[in-house]
Amino acid sequence: MARPTNTQFALGVHLLTLLGGSPGEALSSEILADSAGSNPVHVRRVLAHLRQAALVRSRPGPSGGWQLAAEPEAITLADVWRAVQRDDHLLGLHGPNPNCPVGQRIQAELVALDRRAAAAVEAELAKTTVAELVGNTDSATLIVAGGATSRG
C-alpha cells in the first residue's frame, strides 16, 4: 500500500494533543519533535501553519515554547486539517494540456469530486476534538522527551 507523502496533518494532531495534555506548560520545538519522532525544523514549519490558524502560540526566550491558543475542546481535527492542507487538492490534481478536450472535461469533474471529498473529510474530522484525543491517551501521563513526563 502506498504511504502518504504529506504527514503534516498527523504531525499537527500529535503536537496539539501533546500540548493539550500539558496545560500551562510551554514546550520547546525540540521536545515536541522528540515526542513526535520528527525533526525540530519540520515541527516548527507545521507549528507555523497552526499558529496562522490561531491554534497555537509561542513565547520566545529560555523559558519559552509552544502552547495551545485555544481550549482543547474548541479545536477539532478539521481545524488542524484546514491549517495544514490549505488550498492543496485532496486528490493531487494536475493541470492537463489546455488544448486537450478530454483533459479539460476530466479536470472539471475531478475538481468537483475533490471539493466533495474534501468536504466529507472535513465533516468527519469535525467530529473529533483535541480534548477527546488527550482524554483517550492510556494515562494522564504523556511522554515528552527522554523519559520526561508531563501531566495532563
N, C-alpha and C. Protein backbone atom coordinates (compact mmCIF):
# COMPACT_ATOMS: atom_id res chain seq x y z
N MET A 1 0.85 -1.18 0.00
CA MET A 1 0.00 0.00 0.00
C MET A 1 0.89 1.24 0.00
N ALA A 2 0.51 2.23 -0.77
CA ALA A 2 1.28 3.46 -0.85
C ALA A 2 1.20 4.24 0.45
N ARG A 3 2.29 4.86 0.82
CA ARG A 3 2.33 5.67 2.04
C ARG A 3 2.13 7.13 1.66
N PRO A 4 1.47 7.90 2.53
CA PRO A 4 1.26 9.33 2.23
C PRO A 4 2.60 10.06 2.23
N THR A 5 2.69 11.05 1.37
CA THR A 5 3.92 11.84 1.32
C THR A 5 3.83 13.08 2.20
N ASN A 6 2.63 13.52 2.53
CA ASN A 6 2.45 14.68 3.38
C ASN A 6 1.92 14.22 4.74
N THR A 7 2.75 14.32 5.74
CA THR A 7 2.38 13.87 7.09
C THR A 7 2.11 15.04 8.03
N GLN A 8 1.94 16.24 7.48
CA GLN A 8 1.74 17.41 8.33
C GLN A 8 0.48 17.32 9.18
N PHE A 9 -0.58 16.74 8.65
CA PHE A 9 -1.82 16.62 9.43
C PHE A 9 -1.57 15.75 10.66
N ALA A 10 -1.02 14.56 10.45
CA ALA A 10 -0.78 13.64 11.58
C ALA A 10 0.17 14.27 12.59
N LEU A 11 1.20 14.94 12.10
CA LEU A 11 2.14 15.61 13.00
C LEU A 11 1.43 16.72 13.77
N GLY A 12 0.61 17.51 13.09
CA GLY A 12 -0.13 18.58 13.75
C GLY A 12 -1.03 18.05 14.85
N VAL A 13 -1.72 16.95 14.58
CA VAL A 13 -2.59 16.33 15.58
C VAL A 13 -1.76 15.87 16.77
N HIS A 14 -0.62 15.24 16.51
CA HIS A 14 0.25 14.78 17.59
C HIS A 14 0.69 15.97 18.45
N LEU A 15 1.14 17.04 17.81
CA LEU A 15 1.63 18.20 18.55
C LEU A 15 0.53 18.84 19.40
N LEU A 16 -0.65 19.00 18.81
CA LEU A 16 -1.75 19.61 19.55
C LEU A 16 -2.21 18.73 20.71
N THR A 17 -2.19 17.43 20.51
CA THR A 17 -2.57 16.52 21.59
C THR A 17 -1.56 16.60 22.73
N LEU A 18 -0.30 16.65 22.39
CA LEU A 18 0.74 16.77 23.41
C LEU A 18 0.61 18.10 24.15
N LEU A 19 0.40 19.18 23.41
CA LEU A 19 0.22 20.49 24.05
C LEU A 19 -1.05 20.51 24.90
N GLY A 20 -2.11 19.88 24.42
CA GLY A 20 -3.36 19.83 25.17
C GLY A 20 -3.22 19.05 26.47
N GLY A 21 -2.31 18.09 26.48
CA GLY A 21 -2.06 17.31 27.69
C GLY A 21 -1.04 17.94 28.60
N SER A 22 -0.56 19.13 28.23
CA SER A 22 0.44 19.85 29.02
C SER A 22 -0.04 21.28 29.30
N PRO A 23 -1.22 21.44 29.90
CA PRO A 23 -1.76 22.78 30.10
C PRO A 23 -0.84 23.63 30.96
N GLY A 24 -0.68 24.88 30.54
CA GLY A 24 0.14 25.81 31.30
C GLY A 24 1.63 25.69 31.04
N GLU A 25 2.05 24.63 30.37
CA GLU A 25 3.46 24.44 30.06
C GLU A 25 3.76 24.94 28.66
N ALA A 26 4.93 25.53 28.48
CA ALA A 26 5.41 25.92 27.16
C ALA A 26 6.45 24.88 26.76
N LEU A 27 6.17 24.14 25.70
CA LEU A 27 7.07 23.07 25.26
C LEU A 27 7.88 23.53 24.06
N SER A 28 9.17 23.26 24.10
CA SER A 28 10.06 23.66 23.01
C SER A 28 9.81 22.79 21.77
N SER A 29 10.20 23.30 20.62
CA SER A 29 10.05 22.52 19.39
C SER A 29 10.93 21.27 19.44
N GLU A 30 12.03 21.31 20.19
CA GLU A 30 12.88 20.13 20.33
C GLU A 30 12.16 19.03 21.12
N ILE A 31 11.49 19.41 22.20
CA ILE A 31 10.73 18.44 22.99
C ILE A 31 9.59 17.87 22.16
N LEU A 32 8.89 18.75 21.46
CA LEU A 32 7.78 18.31 20.61
C LEU A 32 8.27 17.37 19.51
N ALA A 33 9.40 17.72 18.90
CA ALA A 33 9.95 16.88 17.83
C ALA A 33 10.37 15.52 18.36
N ASP A 34 10.96 15.49 19.53
CA ASP A 34 11.38 14.21 20.12
C ASP A 34 10.17 13.32 20.36
N SER A 35 9.11 13.89 20.90
CA SER A 35 7.91 13.12 21.16
C SER A 35 7.30 12.58 19.87
N ALA A 36 7.33 13.39 18.82
CA ALA A 36 6.71 13.01 17.55
C ALA A 36 7.64 12.19 16.66
N GLY A 37 8.89 12.03 17.08
CA GLY A 37 9.85 11.31 16.24
C GLY A 37 10.12 12.06 14.95
N SER A 38 10.24 13.37 15.07
CA SER A 38 10.41 14.22 13.90
C SER A 38 11.58 15.15 14.09
N ASN A 39 11.78 16.02 13.13
CA ASN A 39 12.85 16.99 13.13
C ASN A 39 12.30 18.32 13.66
N PRO A 40 13.03 19.02 14.54
CA PRO A 40 12.53 20.30 15.07
C PRO A 40 12.20 21.33 13.99
N VAL A 41 12.95 21.34 12.91
CA VAL A 41 12.68 22.29 11.83
C VAL A 41 11.33 21.97 11.18
N HIS A 42 11.08 20.69 10.92
CA HIS A 42 9.80 20.28 10.34
C HIS A 42 8.66 20.59 11.32
N VAL A 43 8.88 20.34 12.59
CA VAL A 43 7.87 20.63 13.61
C VAL A 43 7.56 22.13 13.62
N ARG A 44 8.57 22.97 13.54
CA ARG A 44 8.34 24.42 13.53
C ARG A 44 7.56 24.85 12.29
N ARG A 45 7.79 24.19 11.16
CA ARG A 45 7.02 24.52 9.94
C ARG A 45 5.54 24.20 10.13
N VAL A 46 5.26 23.06 10.71
CA VAL A 46 3.86 22.68 10.96
C VAL A 46 3.27 23.62 12.01
N LEU A 47 4.01 23.92 13.07
CA LEU A 47 3.53 24.83 14.10
C LEU A 47 3.25 26.23 13.52
N ALA A 48 4.01 26.64 12.52
CA ALA A 48 3.75 27.94 11.88
C ALA A 48 2.37 27.96 11.23
N HIS A 49 1.98 26.87 10.59
CA HIS A 49 0.63 26.78 10.00
C HIS A 49 -0.43 26.80 11.10
N LEU A 50 -0.15 26.08 12.18
CA LEU A 50 -1.10 26.04 13.30
C LEU A 50 -1.21 27.40 13.98
N ARG A 51 -0.12 28.14 14.02
CA ARG A 51 -0.15 29.49 14.61
C ARG A 51 -0.96 30.43 13.71
N GLN A 52 -0.78 30.32 12.39
CA GLN A 52 -1.56 31.16 11.47
C GLN A 52 -3.06 30.90 11.63
N ALA A 53 -3.42 29.70 12.00
CA ALA A 53 -4.82 29.34 12.21
C ALA A 53 -5.28 29.64 13.64
N ALA A 54 -4.42 30.27 14.43
CA ALA A 54 -4.72 30.64 15.83
C ALA A 54 -5.00 29.43 16.71
N LEU A 55 -4.33 28.31 16.42
CA LEU A 55 -4.46 27.11 17.24
C LEU A 55 -3.37 27.01 18.29
N VAL A 56 -2.20 27.60 18.02
CA VAL A 56 -1.08 27.60 18.97
C VAL A 56 -0.50 29.01 19.03
N ARG A 57 0.28 29.22 20.08
CA ARG A 57 1.04 30.47 20.22
C ARG A 57 2.42 30.09 20.75
N SER A 58 3.37 30.97 20.53
CA SER A 58 4.72 30.70 21.02
C SER A 58 5.21 31.87 21.85
N ARG A 59 6.13 31.53 22.74
CA ARG A 59 6.77 32.51 23.59
C ARG A 59 8.27 32.35 23.39
N PRO A 60 8.97 33.42 22.99
CA PRO A 60 10.42 33.30 22.79
C PRO A 60 11.18 33.31 24.11
N GLY A 61 12.45 32.95 24.03
CA GLY A 61 13.32 33.03 25.19
C GLY A 61 13.59 31.69 25.83
N PRO A 62 14.46 31.71 26.85
CA PRO A 62 14.88 30.47 27.51
C PRO A 62 13.72 29.71 28.17
N SER A 63 12.71 30.42 28.65
CA SER A 63 11.57 29.73 29.25
C SER A 63 10.39 29.71 28.29
N GLY A 64 10.67 29.95 27.03
CA GLY A 64 9.62 30.00 26.03
C GLY A 64 9.24 28.63 25.51
N GLY A 65 8.43 28.63 24.49
CA GLY A 65 7.99 27.40 23.87
C GLY A 65 6.60 27.58 23.29
N TRP A 66 5.95 26.47 23.02
CA TRP A 66 4.65 26.44 22.36
C TRP A 66 3.56 26.03 23.32
N GLN A 67 2.38 26.65 23.15
CA GLN A 67 1.20 26.33 23.93
C GLN A 67 -0.02 26.39 23.02
N LEU A 68 -1.10 25.77 23.46
CA LEU A 68 -2.36 25.90 22.72
C LEU A 68 -2.84 27.35 22.86
N ALA A 69 -3.45 27.86 21.80
CA ALA A 69 -4.02 29.20 21.83
C ALA A 69 -5.52 29.16 22.07
N ALA A 70 -6.07 27.96 22.16
CA ALA A 70 -7.49 27.78 22.42
C ALA A 70 -7.65 26.56 23.32
N GLU A 71 -8.79 26.42 23.91
CA GLU A 71 -9.05 25.25 24.75
C GLU A 71 -9.11 24.01 23.86
N PRO A 72 -8.59 22.87 24.34
CA PRO A 72 -8.60 21.64 23.53
C PRO A 72 -10.00 21.24 23.07
N GLU A 73 -11.01 21.57 23.86
CA GLU A 73 -12.39 21.24 23.49
C GLU A 73 -12.86 22.05 22.28
N ALA A 74 -12.21 23.17 22.04
CA ALA A 74 -12.62 24.06 20.94
C ALA A 74 -11.88 23.77 19.63
N ILE A 75 -10.88 22.90 19.68
CA ILE A 75 -10.08 22.60 18.48
C ILE A 75 -10.50 21.25 17.93
N THR A 76 -10.99 21.24 16.70
CA THR A 76 -11.35 19.98 16.06
C THR A 76 -10.24 19.56 15.11
N LEU A 77 -10.27 18.30 14.75
CA LEU A 77 -9.30 17.82 13.76
C LEU A 77 -9.52 18.48 12.41
N ALA A 78 -10.74 18.94 12.15
CA ALA A 78 -10.99 19.69 10.91
C ALA A 78 -10.22 21.01 10.93
N ASP A 79 -10.08 21.63 12.09
CA ASP A 79 -9.28 22.86 12.21
C ASP A 79 -7.83 22.58 11.83
N VAL A 80 -7.32 21.46 12.31
CA VAL A 80 -5.93 21.08 12.01
C VAL A 80 -5.80 20.81 10.51
N TRP A 81 -6.74 20.08 9.95
CA TRP A 81 -6.73 19.75 8.53
C TRP A 81 -6.68 21.02 7.67
N ARG A 82 -7.57 21.96 7.98
CA ARG A 82 -7.60 23.21 7.21
C ARG A 82 -6.30 23.99 7.36
N ALA A 83 -5.71 23.97 8.55
CA ALA A 83 -4.48 24.72 8.79
C ALA A 83 -3.32 24.18 7.97
N VAL A 84 -3.20 22.87 7.87
CA VAL A 84 -2.04 22.30 7.16
C VAL A 84 -2.34 21.99 5.69
N GLN A 85 -3.58 21.72 5.36
CA GLN A 85 -3.93 21.37 3.98
C GLN A 85 -4.01 22.61 3.11
N ARG A 86 -4.47 23.71 3.69
CA ARG A 86 -4.64 24.98 2.98
C ARG A 86 -5.44 24.75 1.70
N ASP A 87 -4.96 25.23 0.57
CA ASP A 87 -5.70 25.11 -0.69
C ASP A 87 -5.25 23.92 -1.53
N ASP A 88 -4.44 23.05 -0.96
CA ASP A 88 -3.99 21.88 -1.72
C ASP A 88 -5.16 20.96 -2.02
N HIS A 89 -5.13 20.38 -3.20
CA HIS A 89 -6.17 19.43 -3.58
C HIS A 89 -5.97 18.13 -2.82
N LEU A 90 -7.04 17.56 -2.37
CA LEU A 90 -7.00 16.29 -1.67
C LEU A 90 -6.55 15.17 -2.59
N LEU A 91 -6.97 15.22 -3.84
CA LEU A 91 -6.71 14.14 -4.78
C LEU A 91 -5.42 14.31 -5.58
N GLY A 92 -4.63 15.32 -5.30
CA GLY A 92 -3.37 15.50 -6.02
C GLY A 92 -3.58 15.79 -7.50
N LEU A 93 -4.47 16.71 -7.81
CA LEU A 93 -4.80 17.02 -9.20
C LEU A 93 -3.63 17.71 -9.90
N HIS A 94 -3.57 17.51 -11.19
CA HIS A 94 -2.55 18.18 -12.01
C HIS A 94 -3.26 18.96 -13.10
N GLY A 95 -2.54 19.84 -13.74
CA GLY A 95 -3.12 20.62 -14.84
C GLY A 95 -2.89 19.93 -16.17
N PRO A 96 -3.97 19.55 -16.86
CA PRO A 96 -3.81 18.88 -18.15
C PRO A 96 -3.43 19.87 -19.24
N ASN A 97 -3.12 19.36 -20.38
CA ASN A 97 -2.86 20.19 -21.56
C ASN A 97 -4.12 20.99 -21.84
N PRO A 98 -4.05 22.32 -21.89
CA PRO A 98 -5.25 23.14 -22.08
C PRO A 98 -5.91 22.93 -23.45
N ASN A 99 -5.19 22.35 -24.39
CA ASN A 99 -5.76 22.10 -25.71
C ASN A 99 -6.42 20.73 -25.82
N CYS A 100 -6.38 19.95 -24.79
CA CYS A 100 -6.95 18.60 -24.82
C CYS A 100 -8.39 18.64 -24.30
N PRO A 101 -9.38 18.35 -25.16
CA PRO A 101 -10.77 18.40 -24.70
C PRO A 101 -11.07 17.35 -23.62
N VAL A 102 -10.43 16.21 -23.68
CA VAL A 102 -10.63 15.18 -22.65
C VAL A 102 -10.08 15.70 -21.32
N GLY A 103 -8.88 16.23 -21.35
CA GLY A 103 -8.27 16.75 -20.14
C GLY A 103 -9.09 17.87 -19.52
N GLN A 104 -9.64 18.75 -20.34
CA GLN A 104 -10.46 19.85 -19.83
C GLN A 104 -11.71 19.32 -19.14
N ARG A 105 -12.38 18.35 -19.76
CA ARG A 105 -13.61 17.80 -19.19
C ARG A 105 -13.31 17.01 -17.92
N ILE A 106 -12.32 16.17 -17.97
CA ILE A 106 -11.96 15.35 -16.81
C ILE A 106 -11.50 16.24 -15.67
N GLN A 107 -10.72 17.26 -15.98
CA GLN A 107 -10.22 18.16 -14.93
C GLN A 107 -11.37 18.81 -14.17
N ALA A 108 -12.36 19.29 -14.88
CA ALA A 108 -13.51 19.93 -14.22
C ALA A 108 -14.23 18.93 -13.32
N GLU A 109 -14.39 17.71 -13.79
CA GLU A 109 -15.06 16.69 -12.97
C GLU A 109 -14.23 16.31 -11.76
N LEU A 110 -12.91 16.21 -11.95
CA LEU A 110 -12.04 15.87 -10.82
C LEU A 110 -12.00 16.98 -9.78
N VAL A 111 -12.02 18.24 -10.21
CA VAL A 111 -12.03 19.36 -9.27
C VAL A 111 -13.31 19.31 -8.43
N ALA A 112 -14.45 19.05 -9.08
CA ALA A 112 -15.72 18.94 -8.34
C ALA A 112 -15.68 17.77 -7.37
N LEU A 113 -15.15 16.64 -7.81
CA LEU A 113 -15.02 15.47 -6.94
C LEU A 113 -14.10 15.77 -5.77
N ASP A 114 -13.00 16.47 -6.05
CA ASP A 114 -12.05 16.83 -5.00
C ASP A 114 -12.74 17.70 -3.94
N ARG A 115 -13.55 18.65 -4.36
CA ARG A 115 -14.26 19.52 -3.40
C ARG A 115 -15.21 18.71 -2.53
N ARG A 116 -15.93 17.76 -3.14
CA ARG A 116 -16.86 16.93 -2.36
C ARG A 116 -16.09 16.03 -1.39
N ALA A 117 -14.99 15.47 -1.84
CA ALA A 117 -14.19 14.60 -0.97
C ALA A 117 -13.60 15.39 0.19
N ALA A 118 -13.10 16.58 -0.09
CA ALA A 118 -12.53 17.42 0.96
C ALA A 118 -13.60 17.81 1.98
N ALA A 119 -14.81 18.12 1.51
CA ALA A 119 -15.89 18.46 2.42
C ALA A 119 -16.26 17.26 3.30
N ALA A 120 -16.24 16.06 2.72
CA ALA A 120 -16.55 14.86 3.50
C ALA A 120 -15.47 14.60 4.55
N VAL A 121 -14.20 14.79 4.17
CA VAL A 121 -13.10 14.61 5.12
C VAL A 121 -13.24 15.61 6.27
N GLU A 122 -13.48 16.87 5.94
CA GLU A 122 -13.63 17.89 6.97
C GLU A 122 -14.80 17.58 7.90
N ALA A 123 -15.91 17.14 7.33
CA ALA A 123 -17.09 16.82 8.15
C ALA A 123 -16.78 15.70 9.14
N GLU A 124 -16.05 14.70 8.69
CA GLU A 124 -15.69 13.59 9.58
C GLU A 124 -14.70 14.06 10.65
N LEU A 125 -13.72 14.85 10.26
CA LEU A 125 -12.72 15.33 11.21
C LEU A 125 -13.31 16.30 12.23
N ALA A 126 -14.38 17.00 11.86
CA ALA A 126 -15.02 17.95 12.77
C ALA A 126 -15.68 17.25 13.95
N LYS A 127 -15.83 15.94 13.87
CA LYS A 127 -16.48 15.18 14.95
C LYS A 127 -15.55 14.89 16.12
N THR A 128 -14.25 15.14 15.96
CA THR A 128 -13.27 14.81 17.00
C THR A 128 -12.52 16.06 17.42
N THR A 129 -12.39 16.24 18.74
CA THR A 129 -11.63 17.38 19.26
C THR A 129 -10.30 16.92 19.82
N VAL A 130 -9.41 17.88 20.00
CA VAL A 130 -8.13 17.59 20.63
C VAL A 130 -8.35 17.10 22.06
N ALA A 131 -9.33 17.65 22.74
CA ALA A 131 -9.62 17.22 24.12
C ALA A 131 -9.97 15.73 24.16
N GLU A 132 -10.70 15.24 23.17
CA GLU A 132 -11.03 13.82 23.13
C GLU A 132 -9.77 12.98 22.97
N LEU A 133 -8.85 13.44 22.14
CA LEU A 133 -7.60 12.69 21.95
C LEU A 133 -6.75 12.70 23.21
N VAL A 134 -6.70 13.84 23.88
CA VAL A 134 -5.97 13.91 25.15
C VAL A 134 -6.60 12.94 26.14
N GLY A 135 -7.91 12.92 26.20
CA GLY A 135 -8.62 12.04 27.12
C GLY A 135 -8.51 10.57 26.76
N ASN A 136 -8.22 10.27 25.51
CA ASN A 136 -8.12 8.88 25.05
C ASN A 136 -6.72 8.30 25.19
N THR A 137 -5.77 9.08 25.71
CA THR A 137 -4.44 8.52 25.91
C THR A 137 -4.52 7.48 27.02
N ASP A 138 -3.58 6.56 27.05
CA ASP A 138 -3.62 5.45 28.00
C ASP A 138 -3.63 5.92 29.45
N SER A 139 -2.99 7.04 29.71
CA SER A 139 -2.97 7.58 31.07
C SER A 139 -2.86 9.08 30.98
N ALA A 140 -2.91 9.73 32.13
CA ALA A 140 -2.77 11.18 32.16
C ALA A 140 -1.33 11.61 32.01
N THR A 141 -0.42 10.66 31.95
CA THR A 141 0.99 10.97 31.80
C THR A 141 1.38 10.81 30.34
N LEU A 142 1.89 11.87 29.77
CA LEU A 142 2.32 11.85 28.38
C LEU A 142 3.84 11.87 28.35
N ILE A 143 4.42 11.01 27.53
CA ILE A 143 5.88 11.02 27.36
C ILE A 143 6.24 12.22 26.51
N VAL A 144 7.11 13.05 27.04
CA VAL A 144 7.50 14.25 26.30
C VAL A 144 8.84 14.03 25.63
N ALA A 145 9.89 13.76 26.39
CA ALA A 145 11.20 13.61 25.78
C ALA A 145 12.12 12.90 26.75
N GLY A 146 12.86 11.95 26.23
CA GLY A 146 13.89 11.29 27.01
C GLY A 146 13.40 10.77 28.34
N GLY A 147 12.14 10.31 28.40
CA GLY A 147 11.63 9.78 29.64
C GLY A 147 10.98 10.82 30.52
N ALA A 148 11.10 12.11 30.18
CA ALA A 148 10.43 13.14 30.95
C ALA A 148 8.94 13.01 30.73
N THR A 149 8.16 13.39 31.73
CA THR A 149 6.72 13.27 31.59
C THR A 149 6.05 14.61 31.84
N SER A 150 4.86 14.69 31.35
CA SER A 150 4.04 15.87 31.57
C SER A 150 2.66 15.39 31.99
N ARG A 151 2.13 15.91 33.03
CA ARG A 151 0.81 15.53 33.50
C ARG A 151 -0.24 16.37 32.80
N GLY A 152 -1.25 15.71 32.22
CA GLY A 152 -2.29 16.42 31.52
C GLY A 152 -3.56 16.46 32.31
